[in-house]
């Protein structure tokens, strides 16, 4: 019986904290767009990996410049 005196207030406080966390998530926009992230995976970016590689690797920049001179835009070979 003595444990109920501890468990009931603890459970009420826990429910109160969960309610505050849920209310905060609703107000901050966590549930505004539930389908957008799922469709964003399927969107086709042109070549974002090639752009990132070009920023970090001078070899990719050189091969892209050579491809532009030849008139074709073949992606560089990954090595």
N, C-alpha and C. Protein backbone atom coordinates (compact mmCIF):
# COMPACT_ATOMS: atom_id res chain seq x y z
N UNK A 1 0.82 -1.20 0.00
CA UNK A 1 0.00 0.00 0.00
C UNK A 1 0.86 1.26 0.00
N UNK A 2 2.01 1.18 0.70
CA UNK A 2 2.86 2.37 0.77
C UNK A 2 3.47 2.70 -0.59
N UNK A 3 3.65 1.67 -1.44
CA UNK A 3 4.22 1.95 -2.76
C UNK A 3 3.27 2.74 -3.64
N UNK A 4 1.96 2.59 -3.42
CA UNK A 4 0.99 3.36 -4.19
C UNK A 4 1.13 4.86 -3.91
N UNK A 5 1.49 5.20 -2.70
CA UNK A 5 1.69 6.61 -2.37
C UNK A 5 2.85 7.21 -3.16
N UNK A 6 3.76 6.37 -3.60
CA UNK A 6 4.89 6.83 -4.42
C UNK A 6 4.58 6.70 -5.91
N UNK A 7 3.98 5.58 -6.31
CA UNK A 7 3.77 5.31 -7.74
C UNK A 7 2.72 6.21 -8.38
N UNK A 8 1.67 6.54 -7.69
CA UNK A 8 0.62 7.38 -8.27
C UNK A 8 1.13 8.79 -8.56
N UNK A 9 1.79 9.48 -7.63
CA UNK A 9 2.33 10.81 -7.98
C UNK A 9 3.40 10.75 -9.07
N UNK A 10 4.23 9.72 -9.05
CA UNK A 10 5.25 9.59 -10.09
C UNK A 10 4.60 9.40 -11.45
N UNK A 11 3.55 8.59 -11.53
CA UNK A 11 2.88 8.38 -12.82
C UNK A 11 2.15 9.64 -13.29
N UNK A 12 1.59 10.40 -12.38
CA UNK A 12 0.92 11.66 -12.75
C UNK A 12 1.95 12.65 -13.29
N UNK A 13 3.09 12.75 -12.64
CA UNK A 13 4.15 13.64 -13.12
C UNK A 13 4.67 13.18 -14.47
N UNK A 14 4.81 11.87 -14.66
CA UNK A 14 5.28 11.35 -15.94
C UNK A 14 4.30 11.64 -17.06
N UNK A 15 3.01 11.46 -16.81
CA UNK A 15 1.99 11.78 -17.82
C UNK A 15 2.01 13.28 -18.13
N UNK A 16 2.19 14.10 -17.13
CA UNK A 16 2.27 15.55 -17.32
C UNK A 16 3.46 15.91 -18.20
N UNK A 17 4.62 15.31 -17.95
CA UNK A 17 5.82 15.59 -18.75
C UNK A 17 5.66 15.11 -20.19
N UNK A 18 5.04 13.96 -20.38
CA UNK A 18 4.79 13.46 -21.74
C UNK A 18 3.83 14.39 -22.47
N UNK A 19 2.82 14.89 -21.77
CA UNK A 19 1.88 15.84 -22.38
C UNK A 19 2.56 17.12 -22.80
N UNK A 20 3.47 17.62 -21.96
CA UNK A 20 4.22 18.84 -22.31
C UNK A 20 5.10 18.60 -23.53
N UNK A 21 5.77 17.45 -23.58
CA UNK A 21 6.63 17.13 -24.72
C UNK A 21 5.81 17.02 -26.01
N UNK A 22 4.63 16.42 -25.93
CA UNK A 22 3.77 16.30 -27.11
C UNK A 22 3.26 17.67 -27.55
N UNK A 23 2.84 18.49 -26.61
CA UNK A 23 2.36 19.82 -26.94
C UNK A 23 3.46 20.65 -27.59
N UNK A 24 4.69 20.56 -27.05
CA UNK A 24 5.82 21.29 -27.63
C UNK A 24 6.09 20.83 -29.05
N UNK A 25 6.02 19.51 -29.29
CA UNK A 25 6.29 19.01 -30.65
C UNK A 25 5.22 19.47 -31.63
N UNK A 26 3.98 19.57 -31.19
CA UNK A 26 2.93 20.09 -32.07
C UNK A 26 3.16 21.56 -32.39
N UNK A 27 3.52 22.36 -31.40
CA UNK A 27 3.74 23.79 -31.60
C UNK A 27 4.98 24.09 -32.42
N UNK A 28 5.99 23.23 -32.35
CA UNK A 28 7.23 23.50 -33.08
C UNK A 28 7.18 22.98 -34.52
N UNK A 29 6.10 22.34 -34.93
CA UNK A 29 5.94 21.93 -36.31
C UNK A 29 6.51 20.56 -36.64
N UNK A 30 6.64 19.70 -35.66
CA UNK A 30 7.20 18.38 -35.92
C UNK A 30 6.28 17.52 -36.78
N UNK A 31 4.98 17.77 -36.73
CA UNK A 31 4.03 16.93 -37.45
C UNK A 31 3.37 17.66 -38.62
N UNK A 32 3.96 18.75 -39.09
CA UNK A 32 3.36 19.52 -40.17
C UNK A 32 3.36 18.77 -41.49
N UNK A 33 4.46 18.18 -41.87
CA UNK A 33 4.58 17.50 -43.17
C UNK A 33 5.01 16.06 -42.93
N UNK A 34 4.04 15.15 -42.92
CA UNK A 34 4.35 13.76 -42.62
C UNK A 34 4.75 12.98 -43.88
N UNK A 35 4.33 13.43 -45.08
CA UNK A 35 4.62 12.69 -46.30
C UNK A 35 5.79 13.26 -47.09
N UNK A 36 6.16 14.50 -46.85
CA UNK A 36 7.23 15.15 -47.60
C UNK A 36 8.56 14.43 -47.53
N UNK A 37 9.06 14.07 -46.35
CA UNK A 37 10.35 13.38 -46.29
C UNK A 37 10.35 12.03 -47.02
N UNK A 38 9.22 11.35 -47.03
CA UNK A 38 9.16 10.06 -47.74
C UNK A 38 9.29 10.27 -49.25
N UNK A 39 8.67 11.33 -49.78
CA UNK A 39 8.78 11.60 -51.22
C UNK A 39 10.12 12.23 -51.58
N UNK A 40 10.74 12.92 -50.64
CA UNK A 40 12.02 13.57 -50.91
C UNK A 40 13.11 12.54 -51.22
N UNK A 41 12.98 11.35 -50.68
CA UNK A 41 13.95 10.29 -50.97
C UNK A 41 13.90 9.93 -52.45
N UNK A 42 12.71 9.98 -53.02
CA UNK A 42 12.53 9.55 -54.40
C UNK A 42 12.88 10.63 -55.42
N UNK A 43 13.02 11.88 -54.97
CA UNK A 43 13.35 12.96 -55.89
C UNK A 43 14.74 12.74 -56.47
N UNK A 44 14.88 13.02 -57.76
CA UNK A 44 16.14 12.79 -58.44
C UNK A 44 16.91 14.10 -58.54
N UNK A 45 17.98 14.20 -57.77
CA UNK A 45 18.89 15.33 -57.92
C UNK A 45 19.79 15.01 -59.10
N UNK A 46 20.22 16.03 -59.84
CA UNK A 46 21.00 15.78 -61.04
C UNK A 46 22.22 14.92 -60.75
N UNK A 47 23.17 15.44 -60.08
CA UNK A 47 24.35 14.67 -59.69
C UNK A 47 24.95 15.30 -58.44
N UNK A 48 24.27 15.21 -57.30
CA UNK A 48 24.82 15.88 -56.11
C UNK A 48 26.13 15.26 -55.64
N UNK A 49 26.30 13.95 -55.85
CA UNK A 49 27.55 13.32 -55.40
C UNK A 49 28.72 13.82 -56.24
N UNK A 50 28.50 14.01 -57.53
CA UNK A 50 29.57 14.52 -58.39
C UNK A 50 29.96 15.94 -57.99
N UNK A 51 28.95 16.74 -57.61
CA UNK A 51 29.26 18.11 -57.18
C UNK A 51 30.07 18.10 -55.89
N UNK A 52 29.71 17.20 -54.96
CA UNK A 52 30.48 17.12 -53.71
C UNK A 52 31.89 16.63 -53.97
N UNK A 53 32.03 15.67 -54.88
CA UNK A 53 33.36 15.18 -55.21
C UNK A 53 34.20 16.27 -55.88
N UNK A 54 33.56 17.08 -56.71
CA UNK A 54 34.28 18.14 -57.41
C UNK A 54 34.79 19.19 -56.43
N UNK A 55 34.05 19.40 -55.35
CA UNK A 55 34.48 20.37 -54.36
C UNK A 55 35.70 19.89 -53.59
N UNK A 56 35.82 18.57 -53.42
CA UNK A 56 36.89 18.05 -52.58
C UNK A 56 38.05 17.49 -53.38
N UNK A 57 37.85 17.14 -54.65
CA UNK A 57 38.90 16.47 -55.41
C UNK A 57 39.25 17.28 -56.67
N UNK A 58 40.49 17.69 -56.83
CA UNK A 58 40.88 18.42 -58.04
C UNK A 58 40.89 17.52 -59.28
N UNK A 59 41.03 16.21 -59.11
CA UNK A 59 41.03 15.30 -60.26
C UNK A 59 39.68 15.30 -60.96
N UNK A 60 38.60 15.36 -60.17
CA UNK A 60 37.27 15.36 -60.75
C UNK A 60 37.05 16.65 -61.53
N UNK A 61 37.52 17.77 -61.00
CA UNK A 61 37.37 19.04 -61.71
C UNK A 61 38.09 18.99 -63.05
N UNK A 62 39.27 18.41 -63.10
CA UNK A 62 40.02 18.34 -64.34
C UNK A 62 39.30 17.45 -65.35
N UNK A 63 38.79 16.31 -64.92
CA UNK A 63 38.11 15.42 -65.86
C UNK A 63 36.81 16.04 -66.35
N UNK A 64 36.11 16.82 -65.49
CA UNK A 64 34.90 17.50 -65.95
C UNK A 64 35.24 18.58 -66.98
N UNK A 65 36.33 19.31 -66.75
CA UNK A 65 36.72 20.34 -67.71
C UNK A 65 37.10 19.71 -69.05
N UNK A 66 37.77 18.56 -69.03
CA UNK A 66 38.12 17.88 -70.27
C UNK A 66 36.87 17.41 -70.99
N UNK A 67 35.88 16.94 -70.23
CA UNK A 67 34.62 16.51 -70.83
C UNK A 67 33.87 17.66 -71.47
N UNK A 68 33.92 18.85 -70.85
CA UNK A 68 33.26 20.01 -71.43
C UNK A 68 33.96 20.45 -72.70
N UNK A 69 35.28 20.32 -72.75
CA UNK A 69 36.01 20.69 -73.95
C UNK A 69 35.66 19.77 -75.10
N UNK A 70 35.44 18.49 -74.80
CA UNK A 70 35.11 17.52 -75.85
C UNK A 70 33.64 17.58 -76.22
N UNK A 71 32.84 18.26 -75.43
CA UNK A 71 31.44 18.43 -75.76
C UNK A 71 30.54 17.39 -75.11
N UNK A 72 31.06 16.46 -74.39
CA UNK A 72 30.21 15.49 -73.71
C UNK A 72 30.31 15.69 -72.21
N UNK A 73 29.29 15.30 -71.51
CA UNK A 73 29.25 15.47 -70.06
C UNK A 73 29.22 14.11 -69.37
N UNK A 74 30.19 13.27 -69.69
CA UNK A 74 30.25 11.96 -69.07
C UNK A 74 30.73 12.12 -67.63
N UNK A 75 30.09 11.40 -66.70
CA UNK A 75 30.54 11.50 -65.31
C UNK A 75 31.94 10.91 -65.16
N UNK A 76 32.73 11.49 -64.29
CA UNK A 76 34.09 10.97 -64.11
C UNK A 76 34.07 9.58 -63.47
N UNK A 77 35.09 8.81 -63.77
CA UNK A 77 35.19 7.48 -63.22
C UNK A 77 35.61 7.56 -61.76
N UNK A 78 34.91 6.78 -60.94
CA UNK A 78 35.26 6.74 -59.52
C UNK A 78 36.45 5.83 -59.33
N UNK A 79 37.41 6.25 -58.55
CA UNK A 79 38.62 5.45 -58.43
C UNK A 79 38.89 5.00 -57.11
